[in-house]
PDB file of all heavy atoms in Angstrom:
ATOM      1  N   LEU A   1      -5.149   1.047   3.126  1.00  0.00           N
ATOM      2  CA  LEU A   1      -5.423   1.768   4.358  1.00  0.00           C
ATOM      3  C   LEU A   1      -4.146   2.454   4.839  1.00  0.00           C
ATOM      4  O   LEU A   1      -3.091   1.826   4.899  1.00  0.00           O
ATOM      5  CB  LEU A   1      -5.944   0.798   5.416  1.00  0.00           C
ATOM      6  CG  LEU A   1      -6.267   1.352   6.809  1.00  0.00           C
ATOM      7  CD1 LEU A   1      -7.427   2.339   6.741  1.00  0.00           C
ATOM      8  CD2 LEU A   1      -6.601   0.206   7.773  1.00  0.00           C
ATOM      9  N   VAL A   2      -4.262   3.732   5.170  1.00  0.00           N
ATOM     10  CA  VAL A   2      -3.146   4.501   5.714  1.00  0.00           C
ATOM     11  C   VAL A   2      -3.519   4.894   7.137  1.00  0.00           C
ATOM     12  O   VAL A   2      -4.521   5.600   7.353  1.00  0.00           O
ATOM     13  CB  VAL A   2      -2.858   5.763   4.876  1.00  0.00           C
ATOM     14  CG1 VAL A   2      -1.666   6.523   5.467  1.00  0.00           C
ATOM     15  CG2 VAL A   2      -2.580   5.390   3.421  1.00  0.00           C
ATOM     16  N   ILE A   3      -2.739   4.427   8.110  1.00  0.00           N
ATOM     17  CA  ILE A   3      -3.031   4.698   9.514  1.00  0.00           C
ATOM     18  C   ILE A   3      -2.025   5.710  10.043  1.00  0.00           C
ATOM     19  O   ILE A   3      -0.817   5.448  10.039  1.00  0.00           O
ATOM     20  CB  ILE A   3      -2.986   3.409  10.353  1.00  0.00           C
ATOM     21  CG1 ILE A   3      -4.061   2.432   9.870  1.00  0.00           C
ATOM     22  CG2 ILE A   3      -3.185   3.724  11.833  1.00  0.00           C
ATOM     23  CD1 ILE A   3      -4.071   1.121  10.624  1.00  0.00           C
ATOM     24  N   GLY A   4      -2.503   6.863  10.483  1.00  0.00           N
ATOM     25  CA  GLY A   4      -1.641   7.893  11.053  1.00  0.00           C
ATOM     26  C   GLY A   4      -2.211   8.393  12.362  1.00  0.00           C
ATOM     27  O   GLY A   4      -3.358   8.108  12.712  1.00  0.00           O
ATOM     28  N   ARG A   5      -1.411   9.145  13.086  1.00  0.00           N
ATOM     29  CA  ARG A   5      -1.863   9.678  14.366  1.00  0.00           C
ATOM     30  C   ARG A   5      -3.006  10.681  14.189  1.00  0.00           C
ATOM     31  O   ARG A   5      -3.943  10.709  14.970  1.00  0.00           O
ATOM     32  CB  ARG A   5      -0.701  10.349  15.086  1.00  0.00           C
ATOM     33  CG  ARG A   5       0.231   9.372  15.777  1.00  0.00           C
ATOM     34  CD  ARG A   5      -0.374   8.882  17.079  1.00  0.00           C
ATOM     35  NE  ARG A   5       0.417   7.814  17.668  1.00  0.00           N
ATOM     36  CZ  ARG A   5       0.072   7.178  18.778  1.00  0.00           C
ATOM     37  NH1 ARG A   5      -1.066   7.484  19.381  1.00  0.00           N
ATOM     38  NH2 ARG A   5       0.823   6.222  19.266  1.00  0.00           N
ATOM     39  N   GLU A   6      -2.893  11.512  13.167  1.00  0.00           N
ATOM     40  CA  GLU A   6      -3.874  12.583  13.002  1.00  0.00           C
ATOM     41  C   GLU A   6      -4.984  12.237  12.021  1.00  0.00           C
ATOM     42  O   GLU A   6      -6.035  12.860  12.031  1.00  0.00           O
ATOM     43  CB  GLU A   6      -3.167  13.863  12.551  1.00  0.00           C
ATOM     44  CG  GLU A   6      -2.113  14.355  13.531  1.00  0.00           C
ATOM     45  CD  GLU A   6      -2.657  14.534  14.944  1.00  0.00           C
ATOM     46  OE1 GLU A   6      -3.817  15.002  15.080  1.00  0.00           O
ATOM     47  OE2 GLU A   6      -1.927  14.207  15.902  1.00  0.00           O
ATOM     48  N   GLU A   7      -4.754  11.252  11.149  1.00  0.00           N
ATOM     49  CA  GLU A   7      -5.792  10.846  10.197  1.00  0.00           C
ATOM     50  C   GLU A   7      -5.576   9.393   9.792  1.00  0.00           C
ATOM     51  O   GLU A   7      -4.443   8.960   9.606  1.00  0.00           O
ATOM     52  CB  GLU A   7      -5.763  11.728   8.944  1.00  0.00           C
ATOM     53  CG  GLU A   7      -6.869  11.373   7.951  1.00  0.00           C
ATOM     54  CD  GLU A   7      -6.809  12.167   6.659  1.00  0.00           C
ATOM     55  OE1 GLU A   7      -5.832  11.972   5.894  1.00  0.00           O
ATOM     56  OE2 GLU A   7      -7.731  12.970   6.420  1.00  0.00           O
ATOM     57  N   CYS A   8      -6.672   8.682   9.670  1.00  0.00           N
ATOM     58  CA  CYS A   8      -6.663   7.340   9.094  1.00  0.00           C
ATOM     59  C   CYS A   8      -7.548   7.400   7.852  1.00  0.00           C
ATOM     60  O   CYS A   8      -8.684   7.896   7.927  1.00  0.00           O
ATOM     61  CB  CYS A   8      -7.196   6.304  10.083  1.00  0.00           C
ATOM     62  SG  CYS A   8      -6.203   6.175  11.589  1.00  0.00           S
ATOM     63  N   ALA A   9      -7.035   6.929   6.722  1.00  0.00           N
ATOM     64  CA  ALA A   9      -7.756   7.106   5.467  1.00  0.00           C
ATOM     65  C   ALA A   9      -7.652   5.868   4.598  1.00  0.00           C
ATOM     66  O   ALA A   9      -6.708   5.075   4.709  1.00  0.00           O
ATOM     67  CB  ALA A   9      -7.220   8.326   4.714  1.00  0.00           C
ATOM     68  N   LEU A  10      -8.628   5.728   3.724  1.00  0.00           N
ATOM     69  CA  LEU A  10      -8.716   4.603   2.801  1.00  0.00           C
ATOM     70  C   LEU A  10      -8.672   5.159   1.382  1.00  0.00           C
ATOM     71  O   LEU A  10      -9.473   6.019   1.020  1.00  0.00           O
ATOM     72  CB  LEU A  10     -10.021   3.841   3.046  1.00  0.00           C
ATOM     73  CG  LEU A  10     -10.203   2.469   2.421  1.00  0.00           C
ATOM     74  CD1 LEU A  10      -9.110   1.495   2.854  1.00  0.00           C
ATOM     75  CD2 LEU A  10     -11.569   1.909   2.799  1.00  0.00           C
ATOM     76  N   TYR A  11      -7.689   4.673   0.593  1.00  0.00           N
ATOM     77  CA  TYR A  11      -7.462   5.197  -0.744  1.00  0.00           C
ATOM     78  C   TYR A  11      -7.614   4.105  -1.801  1.00  0.00           C
ATOM     79  O   TYR A  11      -7.353   2.920  -1.527  1.00  0.00           O
ATOM     80  CB  TYR A  11      -6.046   5.753  -0.879  1.00  0.00           C
ATOM     81  CG  TYR A  11      -5.755   6.996  -0.090  1.00  0.00           C
ATOM     82  CD1 TYR A  11      -5.318   6.915   1.230  1.00  0.00           C
ATOM     83  CD2 TYR A  11      -5.890   8.255  -0.660  1.00  0.00           C
ATOM     84  CE1 TYR A  11      -5.027   8.060   1.964  1.00  0.00           C
ATOM     85  CE2 TYR A  11      -5.600   9.402   0.065  1.00  0.00           C
ATOM     86  CZ  TYR A  11      -5.169   9.297   1.373  1.00  0.00           C
ATOM     87  OH  TYR A  11      -4.883  10.424   2.079  1.00  0.00           O
ATOM     88  N   GLU A  12      -7.979   4.535  -3.002  1.00  0.00           N
ATOM     89  CA  GLU A  12      -7.816   3.686  -4.161  1.00  0.00           C
ATOM     90  C   GLU A  12      -6.332   3.652  -4.526  1.00  0.00           C
ATOM     91  O   GLU A  12      -5.579   4.554  -4.163  1.00  0.00           O
ATOM     92  CB  GLU A  12      -8.633   4.229  -5.332  1.00  0.00           C
ATOM     93  CG  GLU A  12     -10.135   4.182  -5.103  1.00  0.00           C
ATOM     94  CD  GLU A  12     -10.920   4.799  -6.250  1.00  0.00           C
ATOM     95  OE1 GLU A  12     -10.267   5.328  -7.193  1.00  0.00           O
ATOM     96  OE2 GLU A  12     -12.161   4.773  -6.204  1.00  0.00           O
ATOM     97  N   ILE A  13      -5.924   2.617  -5.231  1.00  0.00           N
ATOM     98  CA  ILE A  13      -4.532   2.498  -5.658  1.00  0.00           C
ATOM     99  C   ILE A  13      -4.421   2.994  -7.093  1.00  0.00           C
ATOM    100  O   ILE A  13      -5.106   2.489  -7.995  1.00  0.00           O
ATOM    101  CB  ILE A  13      -4.036   1.051  -5.529  1.00  0.00           C
ATOM    102  CG1 ILE A  13      -3.980   0.663  -4.048  1.00  0.00           C
ATOM    103  CG2 ILE A  13      -2.672   0.868  -6.184  1.00  0.00           C
ATOM    104  CD1 ILE A  13      -3.587  -0.770  -3.795  1.00  0.00           C
ATOM    105  N   GLY A  14      -3.548   3.993  -7.288  1.00  0.00           N
ATOM    106  CA  GLY A  14      -3.366   4.530  -8.626  1.00  0.00           C
ATOM    107  C   GLY A  14      -2.561   3.602  -9.510  1.00  0.00           C
ATOM    108  O   GLY A  14      -2.952   3.253 -10.624  1.00  0.00           O
ATOM    109  N   SER A  15      -1.401   3.187  -9.017  1.00  0.00           N
ATOM    110  CA  SER A  15      -0.557   2.239  -9.738  1.00  0.00           C
ATOM    111  C   SER A  15       0.167   1.375  -8.723  1.00  0.00           C
ATOM    112  O   SER A  15       0.325   1.765  -7.555  1.00  0.00           O
ATOM    113  CB  SER A  15       0.458   2.968 -10.632  1.00  0.00           C
ATOM    114  OG  SER A  15       1.344   3.744  -9.844  1.00  0.00           O
ATOM    115  N   ALA A  16       0.596   0.193  -9.146  1.00  0.00           N
ATOM    116  CA  ALA A  16       1.253  -0.735  -8.233  1.00  0.00           C
ATOM    117  C   ALA A  16       2.354  -1.487  -8.960  1.00  0.00           C
ATOM    118  O   ALA A  16       2.168  -1.950 -10.088  1.00  0.00           O
ATOM    119  CB  ALA A  16       0.239  -1.723  -7.651  1.00  0.00           C
ATOM    120  N   GLU A  17       3.504  -1.584  -8.305  1.00  0.00           N
ATOM    121  CA  GLU A  17       4.644  -2.331  -8.841  1.00  0.00           C
ATOM    122  C   GLU A  17       5.042  -3.389  -7.821  1.00  0.00           C
ATOM    123  O   GLU A  17       5.360  -3.059  -6.667  1.00  0.00           O
ATOM    124  CB  GLU A  17       5.816  -1.383  -9.093  1.00  0.00           C
ATOM    125  CG  GLU A  17       7.094  -2.082  -9.525  1.00  0.00           C
ATOM    126  CD  GLU A  17       8.296  -1.154  -9.512  1.00  0.00           C
ATOM    127  OE1 GLU A  17       8.126   0.044  -9.196  1.00  0.00           O
ATOM    128  OE2 GLU A  17       9.406  -1.632  -9.793  1.00  0.00           O
ATOM    129  N   ASN A  18       4.980  -4.649  -8.204  1.00  0.00           N
ATOM    130  CA  ASN A  18       5.289  -5.722  -7.272  1.00  0.00           C
ATOM    131  C   ASN A  18       6.735  -5.650  -6.791  1.00  0.00           C
ATOM    132  O   ASN A  18       7.654  -5.358  -7.559  1.00  0.00           O
ATOM    133  CB  ASN A  18       5.033  -7.083  -7.921  1.00  0.00           C
ATOM    134  CG  ASN A  18       3.559  -7.350  -8.157  1.00  0.00           C
ATOM    135  OD1 ASN A  18       2.698  -6.760  -7.513  1.00  0.00           O
ATOM    136  ND2 ASN A  18       3.256  -8.234  -9.093  1.00  0.00           N
ATOM    137  N   VAL A  19       6.917  -5.926  -5.508  1.00  0.00           N
ATOM    138  CA  VAL A  19       8.231  -5.949  -4.878  1.00  0.00           C
ATOM    139  C   VAL A  19       8.373  -7.278  -4.154  1.00  0.00           C
ATOM    140  O   VAL A  19       7.424  -7.735  -3.503  1.00  0.00           O
ATOM    141  CB  VAL A  19       8.389  -4.782  -3.867  1.00  0.00           C
ATOM    142  CG1 VAL A  19       9.732  -4.851  -3.169  1.00  0.00           C
ATOM    143  CG2 VAL A  19       8.220  -3.443  -4.571  1.00  0.00           C
ATOM    144  N   ARG A  20       9.524  -7.893  -4.253  1.00  0.00           N
ATOM    145  CA  ARG A  20       9.720  -9.181  -3.571  1.00  0.00           C
ATOM    146  C   ARG A  20       9.703  -8.973  -2.066  1.00  0.00           C
ATOM    147  O   ARG A  20      10.387  -8.103  -1.536  1.00  0.00           O
ATOM    148  CB  ARG A  20      11.045  -9.811  -4.000  1.00  0.00           C
ATOM    149  CG  ARG A  20      11.256 -11.191  -3.392  1.00  0.00           C
ATOM    150  CD  ARG A  20      12.555 -11.817  -3.863  1.00  0.00           C
ATOM    151  NE  ARG A  20      12.753 -13.126  -3.258  1.00  0.00           N
ATOM    152  CZ  ARG A  20      13.841 -13.867  -3.431  1.00  0.00           C
ATOM    153  NH1 ARG A  20      14.824 -13.414  -4.207  1.00  0.00           N
ATOM    154  NH2 ARG A  20      13.959 -15.042  -2.843  1.00  0.00           N
ATOM    155  N   ALA A  21       8.930  -9.785  -1.380  1.00  0.00           N
ATOM    156  CA  ALA A  21       8.795  -9.672   0.070  1.00  0.00           C
ATOM    157  C   ALA A  21       9.717 -10.651   0.782  1.00  0.00           C
ATOM    158  O   ALA A  21       9.936 -11.769   0.320  1.00  0.00           O
ATOM    159  CB  ALA A  21       7.347  -9.942   0.483  1.00  0.00           C
ATOM    160  N   MET A  22      10.249 -10.230   1.921  1.00  0.00           N
ATOM    161  CA  MET A  22      11.027 -11.136   2.760  1.00  0.00           C
ATOM    162  C   MET A  22      10.152 -12.277   3.265  1.00  0.00           C
ATOM    163  O   MET A  22      10.565 -13.434   3.298  1.00  0.00           O
ATOM    164  CB  MET A  22      11.612 -10.372   3.944  1.00  0.00           C
ATOM    165  CG  MET A  22      12.338 -11.240   4.965  1.00  0.00           C
ATOM    166  SD  MET A  22      12.761 -10.339   6.461  1.00  0.00           S
ATOM    167  CE  MET A  22      11.143  -9.967   7.121  1.00  0.00           C
ATOM    168  N   ASP A  23       8.932 -11.937   3.661  1.00  0.00           N
ATOM    169  CA  ASP A  23       7.967 -12.933   4.128  1.00  0.00           C
ATOM    170  C   ASP A  23       7.267 -13.518   2.900  1.00  0.00           C
ATOM    171  O   ASP A  23       6.533 -12.813   2.212  1.00  0.00           O
ATOM    172  CB  ASP A  23       6.945 -12.271   5.051  1.00  0.00           C
ATOM    173  CG  ASP A  23       5.929 -13.248   5.637  1.00  0.00           C
ATOM    174  OD1 ASP A  23       5.792 -14.365   5.092  1.00  0.00           O
ATOM    175  OD2 ASP A  23       5.257 -12.884   6.616  1.00  0.00           O
ATOM    176  N   PRO A  24       7.474 -14.803   2.595  1.00  0.00           N
ATOM    177  CA  PRO A  24       6.866 -15.369   1.387  1.00  0.00           C
ATOM    178  C   PRO A  24       5.356 -15.471   1.444  1.00  0.00           C
ATOM    179  O   PRO A  24       4.716 -15.708   0.416  1.00  0.00           O
ATOM    180  CB  PRO A  24       7.510 -16.763   1.305  1.00  0.00           C
ATOM    181  CG  PRO A  24       7.860 -17.105   2.725  1.00  0.00           C
ATOM    182  CD  PRO A  24       8.260 -15.803   3.346  1.00  0.00           C
ATOM    183  N   GLY A  25       4.773 -15.277   2.616  1.00  0.00           N
ATOM    184  CA  GLY A  25       3.328 -15.389   2.754  1.00  0.00           C
ATOM    185  C   GLY A  25       2.571 -14.105   2.495  1.00  0.00           C
ATOM    186  O   GLY A  25       1.360 -14.063   2.690  1.00  0.00           O
ATOM    187  N   VAL A  26       3.272 -13.041   2.066  1.00  0.00           N
ATOM    188  CA  VAL A  26       2.587 -11.775   1.792  1.00  0.00           C
ATOM    189  C   VAL A  26       2.990 -11.258   0.413  1.00  0.00           C
ATOM    190  O   VAL A  26       3.998 -11.669  -0.160  1.00  0.00           O
ATOM    191  CB  VAL A  26       2.916 -10.685   2.845  1.00  0.00           C
ATOM    192  CG1 VAL A  26       2.611 -11.169   4.249  1.00  0.00           C
ATOM    193  CG2 VAL A  26       4.366 -10.255   2.745  1.00  0.00           C
ATOM    194  N   ARG A  27       2.175 -10.350  -0.106  1.00  0.00           N
ATOM    195  CA  ARG A  27       2.522  -9.609  -1.316  1.00  0.00           C
ATOM    196  C   ARG A  27       2.926  -8.197  -0.909  1.00  0.00           C
ATOM    197  O   ARG A  27       2.296  -7.593  -0.042  1.00  0.00           O
ATOM    198  CB  ARG A  27       1.335  -9.517  -2.277  1.00  0.00           C
ATOM    199  CG  ARG A  27       0.906 -10.821  -2.897  1.00  0.00           C
ATOM    200  CD  ARG A  27      -0.299 -10.585  -3.800  1.00  0.00           C
ATOM    201  NE  ARG A  27      -1.416 -10.025  -3.058  1.00  0.00           N
ATOM    202  CZ  ARG A  27      -2.435  -9.362  -3.618  1.00  0.00           C
ATOM    203  NH1 ARG A  27      -2.450  -9.159  -4.914  1.00  0.00           N
ATOM    204  NH2 ARG A  27      -3.424  -8.904  -2.889  1.00  0.00           N
ATOM    205  N   LEU A  28       3.952  -7.673  -1.546  1.00  0.00           N
ATOM    206  CA  LEU A  28       4.345  -6.284  -1.351  1.00  0.00           C
ATOM    207  C   LEU A  28       4.274  -5.567  -2.684  1.00  0.00           C
ATOM    208  O   LEU A  28       4.660  -6.119  -3.715  1.00  0.00           O
ATOM    209  CB  LEU A  28       5.770  -6.181  -0.800  1.00  0.00           C
ATOM    210  CG  LEU A  28       6.010  -6.414   0.697  1.00  0.00           C
ATOM    211  CD1 LEU A  28       7.467  -6.131   1.030  1.00  0.00           C
ATOM    212  CD2 LEU A  28       5.100  -5.555   1.550  1.00  0.00           C
ATOM    213  N   SER A  29       3.809  -4.336  -2.650  1.00  0.00           N
ATOM    214  CA  SER A  29       3.743  -3.522  -3.857  1.00  0.00           C
ATOM    215  C   SER A  29       4.165  -2.099  -3.524  1.00  0.00           C
ATOM    216  O   SER A  29       3.836  -1.579  -2.441  1.00  0.00           O
ATOM    217  CB  SER A  29       2.322  -3.492  -4.433  1.00  0.00           C
ATOM    218  OG  SER A  29       1.855  -4.789  -4.720  1.00  0.00           O
ATOM    219  N   ARG A  30       4.888  -1.491  -4.444  1.00  0.00           N
ATOM    220  CA  ARG A  30       5.174  -0.060  -4.335  1.00  0.00           C
ATOM    221  C   ARG A  30       4.057   0.655  -5.083  1.00  0.00           C
ATOM    222  O   ARG A  30       3.884   0.449  -6.276  1.00  0.00           O
ATOM    223  CB  ARG A  30       6.550   0.262  -4.911  1.00  0.00           C
ATOM    224  CG  ARG A  30       6.957   1.716  -4.743  1.00  0.00           C
ATOM    225  CD  ARG A  30       8.430   1.933  -5.025  1.00  0.00           C
ATOM    226  NE  ARG A  30       9.250   1.460  -3.915  1.00  0.00           N
ATOM    227  CZ  ARG A  30      10.023   0.377  -3.958  1.00  0.00           C
ATOM    228  NH1 ARG A  30      10.072  -0.345  -5.066  1.00  0.00           N
ATOM    229  NH2 ARG A  30      10.736   0.012  -2.917  1.00  0.00           N
ATOM    230  N   VAL A  31       3.294   1.483  -4.371  1.00  0.00           N
ATOM    231  CA  VAL A  31       2.055   2.022  -4.949  1.00  0.00           C
ATOM    232  C   VAL A  31       2.050   3.541  -4.957  1.00  0.00           C
ATOM    233  O   VAL A  31       2.776   4.196  -4.210  1.00  0.00           O
ATOM    234  CB  VAL A  31       0.817   1.517  -4.165  1.00  0.00           C
ATOM    235  CG1 VAL A  31       0.752   0.007  -4.158  1.00  0.00           C
ATOM    236  CG2 VAL A  31       0.812   2.054  -2.737  1.00  0.00           C
ATOM    237  N   THR A  32       1.208   4.062  -5.828  1.00  0.00           N
ATOM    238  CA  THR A  32       0.832   5.476  -5.784  1.00  0.00           C
ATOM    239  C   THR A  32      -0.644   5.526  -5.415  1.00  0.00           C
ATOM    240  O   THR A  32      -1.423   4.641  -5.782  1.00  0.00           O
ATOM    241  CB  THR A  32       1.057   6.181  -7.132  1.00  0.00           C
ATOM    242  OG1 THR A  32       0.293   5.510  -8.149  1.00  0.00           O
ATOM    243  CG2 THR A  32       2.530   6.149  -7.511  1.00  0.00           C
ATOM    244  N   LEU A  33      -1.012   6.555  -4.686  1.00  0.00           N
ATOM    245  CA  LEU A  33      -2.381   6.649  -4.192  1.00  0.00           C
ATOM    246  C   LEU A  33      -3.282   7.346  -5.191  1.00  0.00           C
ATOM    247  O   LEU A  33      -2.891   8.316  -5.846  1.00  0.00           O
ATOM    248  CB  LEU A  33      -2.409   7.401  -2.863  1.00  0.00           C
ATOM    249  CG  LEU A  33      -1.609   6.783  -1.711  1.00  0.00           C
ATOM    250  CD1 LEU A  33      -1.765   7.613  -0.450  1.00  0.00           C
ATOM    251  CD2 LEU A  33      -2.019   5.340  -1.464  1.00  0.00           C
ATOM    252  N   GLY A  34      -4.514   6.846  -5.281  1.00  0.00           N
ATOM    253  CA  GLY A  34      -5.541   7.465  -6.101  1.00  0.00           C
ATOM    254  C   GLY A  34      -6.517   8.230  -5.240  1.00  0.00           C
ATOM    255  O   GLY A  34      -6.135   8.868  -4.252  1.00  0.00           O
ATOM    256  N   ALA A  35      -7.786   8.136  -5.556  1.00  0.00           N
ATOM    257  CA  ALA A  35      -8.820   8.890  -4.849  1.00  0.00           C
ATOM    258  C   ALA A  35      -8.982   8.407  -3.412  1.00  0.00           C
ATOM    259  O   ALA A  35      -8.839   7.219  -3.114  1.00  0.00           O
ATOM    260  CB  ALA A  35     -10.149   8.763  -5.591  1.00  0.00           C
TER     261      ALA A  35
END
């Protein structure tokens, strides 16, 4: 989900690379957007 002032949109994820999170209770990923 991408939340912006002018548009809020829901995308598929094209690719995802895991990133270590400061908060151990969450997953972080560096992603590219798909459709």
